[in-house]
Amino acid sequence: MINAGTGHLTSVPSSGEQHAVRDAITRLRDYLTSQIVGQDKLVERLLVALLADGHLLVEGPPGLAKTRAIKALAHALEADFQRVQFTPDLLPADLTGSDIYRPEEGSFRFQRGPLFHNLILADEINRAPAKVQSALLEAMAERQISVGGTSYVLPQLFLVMATQNPIEQEGTYPLPEAQLDRFMLHTEVDYPDRATTLKIMKLARREAVTQRELPPPEHRLSQETILAARRAALALTLSDPVAEYIAALVDATRHPEGYSTNLRQWLRWGASPRAAIAMERGARALAWMDGRDFVTPEDVQSIAPDVMRHRLLLDYGAQARGITADTCIEELMGKVPAP
């Protein structure tokens, strides 16, 4: 098969190797769940993005362990991590790096920016202007950075997790559609219930006593293990009826008149081909983590909202009536028959 990160042909792990890497991913998931209390969906989506070679946009109020999640993932992998706080005065070179003049050498040398790490946290991405946001486009889509006429290849294991706060909109810059489309998933997180809050308080108290925010896992996973798991997940069987179902879901957002009167009135622009690719890869990753060697329509239905949420443009009238992307997705799932 073709590796999604490099474009080169790679071998699919054998059944014995797949069992070993699946066990490793299960241990990783257990570790993340133990450290990110009450956010099982966030943990799952983070692992889906990791296995499907995608990027993740997480939206939710402050204090819901968004930053802790990516830090815990970096803690459990043999990979470097970099956090970038997006602010209005950030410059594109602050992400990509720039050519620095060396007087002692009489020449310029490229100083690499934070995007050359494996795991990137773009914290509050909507607080930086569009010019800075667009600096991520080439990195996320092409896995390279171009500065001064020279292109620099990014690591094979490269994942951007961006966060944005839905509460405070003053001083923010909405992400352009072109960049939103580069994110494989848009996941929303919400406050935990009372019982989960008590567990979080207990975990925070234990960490205060030990003076250690994140206890180390028993074993840190190598990048080779992650890439082997990715190859195994993306090689899962996807039957023709399930593939047709994915195509129909995406097509219904582009030609809603053939599926629903409501969708025709609500939608101004549908999902891109990247949505179909993301839905297929995400469904494969979910099935593989569940221990299956085939994808079901339920896998597609589980991942579809996070794939579609940021790719649908709503009519202004629909927005004025309180219609959201999730409303459209709910209507979509009800109108497109599953195999």
Protein backbone atom coordinates (compact mmCIF):
# COMPACT_ATOMS: atom_id res chain seq x y z
CA MET A 1 0.00 0.00 0.00
CA ILE A 2 1.00 3.68 -0.18
CA ASN A 3 2.02 5.35 3.05
CA ALA A 4 -0.09 8.49 3.57
CA GLY A 5 2.74 10.42 5.15
CA THR A 6 5.43 9.88 2.51
CA GLY A 7 3.71 8.63 -0.61
CA HIS A 8 6.13 5.65 -0.74
CA LEU A 9 5.08 2.03 -0.96
CA THR A 10 5.25 0.27 2.38
CA SER A 11 4.37 -3.21 3.55
CA VAL A 12 1.35 -3.92 5.71
CA PRO A 13 2.36 -5.48 9.06
CA SER A 14 1.81 -9.24 9.36
CA SER A 15 -1.00 -10.59 11.55
CA GLY A 16 1.42 -11.14 14.43
CA GLU A 17 2.85 -7.64 14.09
CA GLN A 18 -0.65 -6.17 13.86
CA HIS A 19 -1.59 -7.89 17.12
CA ALA A 20 1.48 -6.38 18.81
CA VAL A 21 0.92 -2.84 17.54
CA ARG A 22 -2.82 -3.02 18.35
CA ASP A 23 -1.93 -3.99 21.92
CA ALA A 24 0.48 -1.06 22.04
CA ILE A 25 -2.22 1.35 20.87
CA THR A 26 -4.66 -0.11 23.41
CA ARG A 27 -2.13 0.55 26.20
CA LEU A 28 -1.65 4.06 24.85
CA ARG A 29 -5.39 4.65 24.87
CA ASP A 30 -5.68 3.33 28.44
CA TYR A 31 -2.88 5.63 29.57
CA LEU A 32 -4.45 8.68 27.92
CA THR A 33 -7.88 7.87 29.36
CA SER A 34 -6.39 7.59 32.85
CA GLN A 35 -4.80 11.03 32.51
CA ILE A 36 -7.59 12.81 30.59
CA VAL A 37 -10.55 12.14 32.86
CA GLY A 38 -14.02 12.58 31.38
CA GLN A 39 -12.89 13.27 27.82
CA ASP A 40 -12.97 9.81 26.26
CA LYS A 41 -14.22 11.18 22.94
CA LEU A 42 -11.31 13.64 22.74
CA VAL A 43 -8.85 10.81 23.43
CA GLU A 44 -10.47 8.65 20.75
CA ARG A 45 -10.45 11.42 18.15
CA LEU A 46 -6.82 12.25 18.93
CA LEU A 47 -5.86 8.63 18.30
CA VAL A 48 -7.98 8.52 15.14
CA ALA A 49 -6.12 11.56 13.79
CA LEU A 50 -2.81 9.93 14.73
CA LEU A 51 -3.64 6.64 13.01
CA ALA A 52 -5.30 8.24 9.98
CA ASP A 53 -2.46 10.73 9.39
CA GLY A 54 -4.70 13.76 9.91
CA HIS A 55 -5.00 16.90 12.01
CA LEU A 56 -7.47 17.78 14.73
CA LEU A 57 -9.35 20.98 15.60
CA VAL A 58 -10.76 20.93 19.14
CA GLU A 59 -13.34 23.46 20.27
CA GLY A 60 -14.53 23.88 23.81
CA PRO A 61 -14.53 26.13 26.90
CA PRO A 62 -11.31 26.63 28.90
CA GLY A 63 -10.14 24.05 31.38
CA LEU A 64 -11.32 20.88 29.60
CA ALA A 65 -7.89 19.22 29.27
CA LYS A 66 -7.39 20.09 25.60
CA THR A 67 -3.76 21.08 26.17
CA ARG A 68 -3.23 18.24 28.62
CA ALA A 69 -4.42 15.70 26.03
CA ILE A 70 -1.77 16.49 23.43
CA LYS A 71 0.90 16.82 26.13
CA ALA A 72 -0.03 13.40 27.49
CA LEU A 73 0.17 11.93 23.97
CA ALA A 74 3.63 13.44 23.49
CA HIS A 75 4.60 12.11 26.93
CA ALA A 76 3.70 8.58 25.84
CA LEU A 77 5.50 8.66 22.47
CA GLU A 78 9.13 8.89 21.43
CA ALA A 79 8.36 12.14 19.64
CA ASP A 80 8.99 15.84 20.14
CA PHE A 81 6.27 18.25 21.10
CA GLN A 82 5.92 22.01 20.69
CA ARG A 83 3.20 24.31 21.98
CA VAL A 84 2.56 27.55 20.10
CA GLN A 85 0.33 30.18 21.71
CA PHE A 86 -1.43 32.02 18.90
CA THR A 87 -1.72 35.77 19.55
CA PRO A 88 -2.55 38.79 17.33
CA ASP A 89 1.13 39.80 17.10
CA LEU A 90 2.37 36.37 15.95
CA LEU A 91 4.24 36.32 12.63
CA PRO A 92 4.35 33.51 10.03
CA ALA A 93 8.11 33.16 10.60
CA ASP A 94 7.36 32.42 14.25
CA LEU A 95 5.87 29.14 13.01
CA THR A 96 7.95 28.21 9.99
CA GLY A 97 11.32 29.64 10.93
CA SER A 98 13.38 32.02 8.84
CA ASP A 99 16.75 32.62 7.22
CA ILE A 100 19.11 34.16 9.78
CA TYR A 101 22.21 36.05 8.69
CA ARG A 102 25.44 34.76 10.24
CA PRO A 103 28.02 37.58 10.18
CA GLU A 104 30.89 35.24 11.06
CA GLU A 105 30.06 33.11 8.02
CA GLY A 106 28.89 35.92 5.75
CA SER A 107 25.84 33.88 4.73
CA PHE A 108 22.26 33.06 5.68
CA ARG A 109 21.31 29.91 7.53
CA PHE A 110 17.80 28.59 8.02
CA GLN A 111 16.62 28.56 11.64
CA ARG A 112 13.84 26.00 11.99
CA GLY A 113 10.59 27.02 13.65
CA PRO A 114 8.28 25.03 15.93
CA LEU A 115 6.48 23.33 13.02
CA PHE A 116 9.46 21.01 12.62
CA HIS A 117 8.38 19.00 15.67
CA ASN A 118 6.26 15.83 15.52
CA LEU A 119 3.31 17.01 17.63
CA ILE A 120 2.17 20.62 17.48
CA LEU A 121 -0.34 22.31 19.74
CA ALA A 122 -1.70 25.45 18.03
CA ASP A 123 -3.36 26.91 21.11
CA GLU A 124 -6.27 29.31 20.47
CA ILE A 125 -5.57 29.31 16.76
CA ASN A 126 -8.35 31.81 16.05
CA ARG A 127 -6.54 34.55 17.99
CA ALA A 128 -3.94 35.01 15.24
CA PRO A 129 -4.72 36.81 11.96
CA ALA A 130 -5.33 34.96 8.70
CA LYS A 131 -1.77 35.51 7.45
CA VAL A 132 -0.40 33.51 10.36
CA GLN A 133 -3.13 30.88 10.15
CA SER A 134 -2.34 30.38 6.47
CA ALA A 135 1.29 29.66 7.35
CA LEU A 136 -0.02 26.30 8.53
CA LEU A 137 -1.64 25.45 5.18
CA GLU A 138 1.43 24.14 3.36
CA ALA A 139 2.68 22.34 6.45
CA MET A 140 -0.62 20.56 7.07
CA ALA A 141 -1.38 19.70 3.44
CA GLU A 142 2.04 19.14 1.87
CA ARG A 143 4.13 18.20 4.92
CA GLN A 144 6.75 20.72 3.95
CA ILE A 145 7.64 24.37 4.54
CA SER A 146 8.93 26.79 1.90
CA VAL A 147 11.07 29.71 2.99
CA GLY A 148 13.15 31.90 0.70
CA GLY A 149 12.64 29.67 -2.33
CA THR A 150 13.72 26.51 -0.50
CA SER A 151 11.40 23.74 0.68
CA TYR A 152 12.06 21.83 3.89
CA VAL A 153 10.44 18.44 4.54
CA LEU A 154 8.62 17.96 7.84
CA PRO A 155 8.85 14.78 9.95
CA GLN A 156 6.94 11.73 8.73
CA LEU A 157 5.06 11.66 12.03
CA PHE A 158 3.44 15.09 12.08
CA LEU A 159 0.19 16.03 13.78
CA VAL A 160 -1.31 19.46 14.45
CA MET A 161 -3.90 19.78 17.18
CA ALA A 162 -5.44 23.24 17.19
CA THR A 163 -7.78 24.59 19.85
CA GLN A 164 -10.26 27.42 19.86
CA ASN A 165 -12.48 28.88 22.56
CA PRO A 166 -16.15 29.29 21.53
CA ILE A 167 -16.96 31.65 24.41
CA GLU A 168 -14.82 34.75 23.91
CA GLN A 169 -15.06 36.00 20.32
CA GLU A 170 -13.66 39.49 20.86
CA GLY A 171 -10.25 39.83 19.23
CA THR A 172 -10.54 36.57 17.30
CA TYR A 173 -10.18 35.84 13.58
CA PRO A 174 -12.41 33.12 12.06
CA LEU A 175 -10.43 30.42 10.31
CA PRO A 176 -10.69 30.60 6.50
CA GLU A 177 -12.48 27.71 4.80
CA ALA A 178 -9.28 26.60 3.06
CA GLN A 179 -7.55 26.02 6.37
CA LEU A 180 -10.57 24.45 8.03
CA ASP A 181 -10.61 21.88 5.22
CA ARG A 182 -7.05 20.85 6.14
CA PHE A 183 -8.27 19.60 9.51
CA MET A 184 -9.42 16.02 9.31
CA LEU A 185 -11.69 16.35 12.33
CA HIS A 186 -13.45 19.12 14.25
CA THR A 187 -14.27 17.81 17.70
CA GLU A 188 -16.36 19.64 20.28
CA VAL A 189 -15.80 19.03 24.00
CA ASP A 190 -18.04 20.08 26.86
CA TYR A 191 -18.03 20.26 30.65
CA PRO A 192 -17.94 16.94 32.60
CA ASP A 193 -20.67 15.85 34.96
CA ARG A 194 -20.41 16.11 38.76
CA ALA A 195 -19.01 12.60 39.31
CA THR A 196 -16.31 13.16 36.71
CA THR A 197 -15.46 16.53 38.25
CA LEU A 198 -14.78 14.75 41.56
CA LYS A 199 -12.41 12.35 39.76
CA ILE A 200 -10.60 15.30 38.19
CA MET A 201 -10.22 16.93 41.62
CA LYS A 202 -8.76 13.69 42.99
CA LEU A 203 -6.29 13.43 40.12
CA ALA A 204 -5.22 17.06 40.52
CA ARG A 205 -4.72 16.56 44.27
CA ARG A 206 -2.54 13.49 43.68
CA GLU A 207 -0.44 15.38 41.14
CA ALA A 208 -0.03 18.28 43.58
CA VAL A 209 1.29 15.88 46.22
CA THR A 210 3.68 14.08 43.89
CA GLN A 211 4.60 17.34 42.11
CA ARG A 212 4.33 15.54 38.82
CA GLU A 213 1.70 16.62 36.32
CA LEU A 214 1.84 13.56 34.09
CA PRO A 215 3.22 10.26 35.41
CA PRO A 216 5.28 8.45 32.81
CA PRO A 217 3.69 5.47 31.02
CA GLU A 218 5.16 2.00 31.42
CA HIS A 219 6.51 2.08 27.89
CA ARG A 220 6.89 4.96 25.46
CA LEU A 221 5.81 4.01 21.96
CA SER A 222 8.32 4.45 19.16
CA GLN A 223 7.48 6.32 15.99
CA GLU A 224 7.98 3.05 14.09
CA THR A 225 5.18 1.47 16.15
CA ILE A 226 2.83 4.36 15.37
CA LEU A 227 3.63 4.22 11.66
CA ALA A 228 3.11 0.44 11.63
CA ALA A 229 -0.27 0.89 13.34
CA ARG A 230 -1.15 3.54 10.76
CA ARG A 231 -0.33 1.21 7.88
CA ALA A 232 -2.41 -1.55 9.44
CA ALA A 233 -5.40 0.72 10.07
CA LEU A 234 -5.39 2.25 6.60
CA ALA A 235 -5.20 -1.22 5.00
CA LEU A 236 -8.45 -2.39 6.60
CA THR A 237 -11.15 -3.82 4.34
CA LEU A 238 -13.70 -1.28 3.15
CA SER A 239 -16.54 -2.92 1.22
CA ASP A 240 -18.06 -1.30 -1.85
CA PRO A 241 -21.45 -0.64 -0.15
CA VAL A 242 -19.74 1.20 2.73
CA ALA A 243 -17.63 3.20 0.27
CA GLU A 244 -20.81 4.08 -1.65
CA TYR A 245 -22.40 5.18 1.63
CA ILE A 246 -19.51 7.58 2.32
CA ALA A 247 -19.77 8.97 -1.21
CA ALA A 248 -23.54 9.41 -0.83
CA LEU A 249 -23.16 11.31 2.46
CA VAL A 250 -20.71 13.73 0.87
CA ASP A 251 -22.77 14.03 -2.31
CA ALA A 252 -25.88 14.89 -0.28
CA THR A 253 -24.15 18.03 1.01
CA ARG A 254 -23.41 19.15 -2.56
CA HIS A 255 -26.76 18.23 -4.10
CA PRO A 256 -29.14 18.44 -1.15
CA GLU A 257 -32.18 18.92 -3.38
CA GLY A 258 -32.11 15.20 -4.13
CA TYR A 259 -32.23 14.20 -0.49
CA SER A 260 -34.02 16.75 1.69
CA THR A 261 -35.94 20.00 1.28
CA ASN A 262 -34.51 21.23 4.57
CA LEU A 263 -30.93 20.58 3.47
CA ARG A 264 -31.57 22.41 0.20
CA GLN A 265 -32.70 25.46 2.17
CA TRP A 266 -30.01 25.28 4.83
CA LEU A 267 -26.81 24.53 2.91
CA ARG A 268 -24.92 27.09 0.87
CA TRP A 269 -21.82 24.98 0.20
CA GLY A 270 -21.11 21.29 0.69
CA ALA A 271 -18.18 19.14 1.78
CA SER A 272 -14.99 18.80 -0.26
CA PRO A 273 -13.39 15.57 -1.54
CA ARG A 274 -11.14 15.74 1.53
CA ALA A 275 -14.26 15.01 3.58
CA ALA A 276 -14.75 11.65 1.85
CA ILE A 277 -11.08 10.75 2.31
CA ALA A 278 -11.17 11.80 5.97
CA MET A 279 -14.39 9.84 6.60
CA GLU A 280 -12.93 6.71 5.02
CA ARG A 281 -9.66 6.93 6.95
CA GLY A 282 -11.37 7.82 10.22
CA ALA A 283 -13.78 4.89 9.89
CA ARG A 284 -10.86 2.54 9.19
CA ALA A 285 -9.02 3.80 12.29
CA LEU A 286 -12.10 3.33 14.49
CA ALA A 287 -12.65 -0.21 13.21
CA TRP A 288 -8.99 -1.11 13.69
CA MET A 289 -8.91 0.21 17.27
CA ASP A 290 -12.07 -1.82 17.92
CA GLY A 291 -10.21 -4.98 16.92
CA ARG A 292 -12.01 -5.56 13.63
CA ASP A 293 -10.56 -6.07 10.15
CA PHE A 294 -13.48 -4.48 8.32
CA VAL A 295 -15.39 -1.18 8.39
CA THR A 296 -19.10 -1.00 9.20
CA PRO A 297 -21.66 1.74 8.46
CA GLU A 298 -21.70 2.42 12.20
CA ASP A 299 -18.01 3.41 12.02
CA VAL A 300 -18.87 5.89 9.29
CA GLN A 301 -21.82 7.28 11.25
CA SER A 302 -19.63 7.70 14.35
CA ILE A 303 -16.91 9.71 12.61
CA ALA A 304 -19.10 11.62 10.09
CA PRO A 305 -20.17 14.53 12.37
CA ASP A 306 -16.57 15.44 13.23
CA VAL A 307 -15.57 15.18 9.57
CA MET A 308 -18.49 17.31 8.30
CA ARG A 309 -18.93 19.88 11.07
CA HIS A 310 -16.34 22.37 9.82
CA ARG A 311 -16.82 21.73 6.11
CA LEU A 312 -20.44 22.80 5.67
CA LEU A 313 -21.29 26.43 4.87
CA LEU A 314 -24.79 27.35 5.95
CA ASP A 315 -27.19 29.77 4.32
CA TYR A 316 -27.42 33.10 6.13
CA GLY A 317 -31.14 32.66 6.63
CA ALA A 318 -30.62 29.24 8.21
CA GLN A 319 -28.03 30.67 10.59
CA ALA A 320 -30.46 33.42 11.57
CA ARG A 321 -33.02 30.74 12.47
CA GLY A 322 -30.52 28.95 14.71
CA ILE A 323 -29.72 26.12 12.33
CA THR A 324 -26.23 24.72 12.95
CA ALA A 325 -23.93 22.36 11.10
CA ASP A 326 -24.88 19.65 13.59
CA THR A 327 -28.55 20.19 12.69
CA CYS A 328 -27.68 19.63 9.03
CA ILE A 329 -25.64 16.53 9.84
CA GLU A 330 -28.49 15.04 11.85
CA GLU A 331 -30.85 15.63 8.93
CA LEU A 332 -28.27 14.21 6.53
CA MET A 333 -27.82 10.99 8.50
CA GLY A 334 -31.57 10.50 8.58
CA LYS A 335 -32.07 11.00 4.83
CA VAL A 336 -29.16 9.02 3.36
CA PRO A 337 -29.88 5.28 3.76
CA ALA A 338 -27.13 3.14 5.25
CA PRO A 339 -26.23 -0.20 3.61
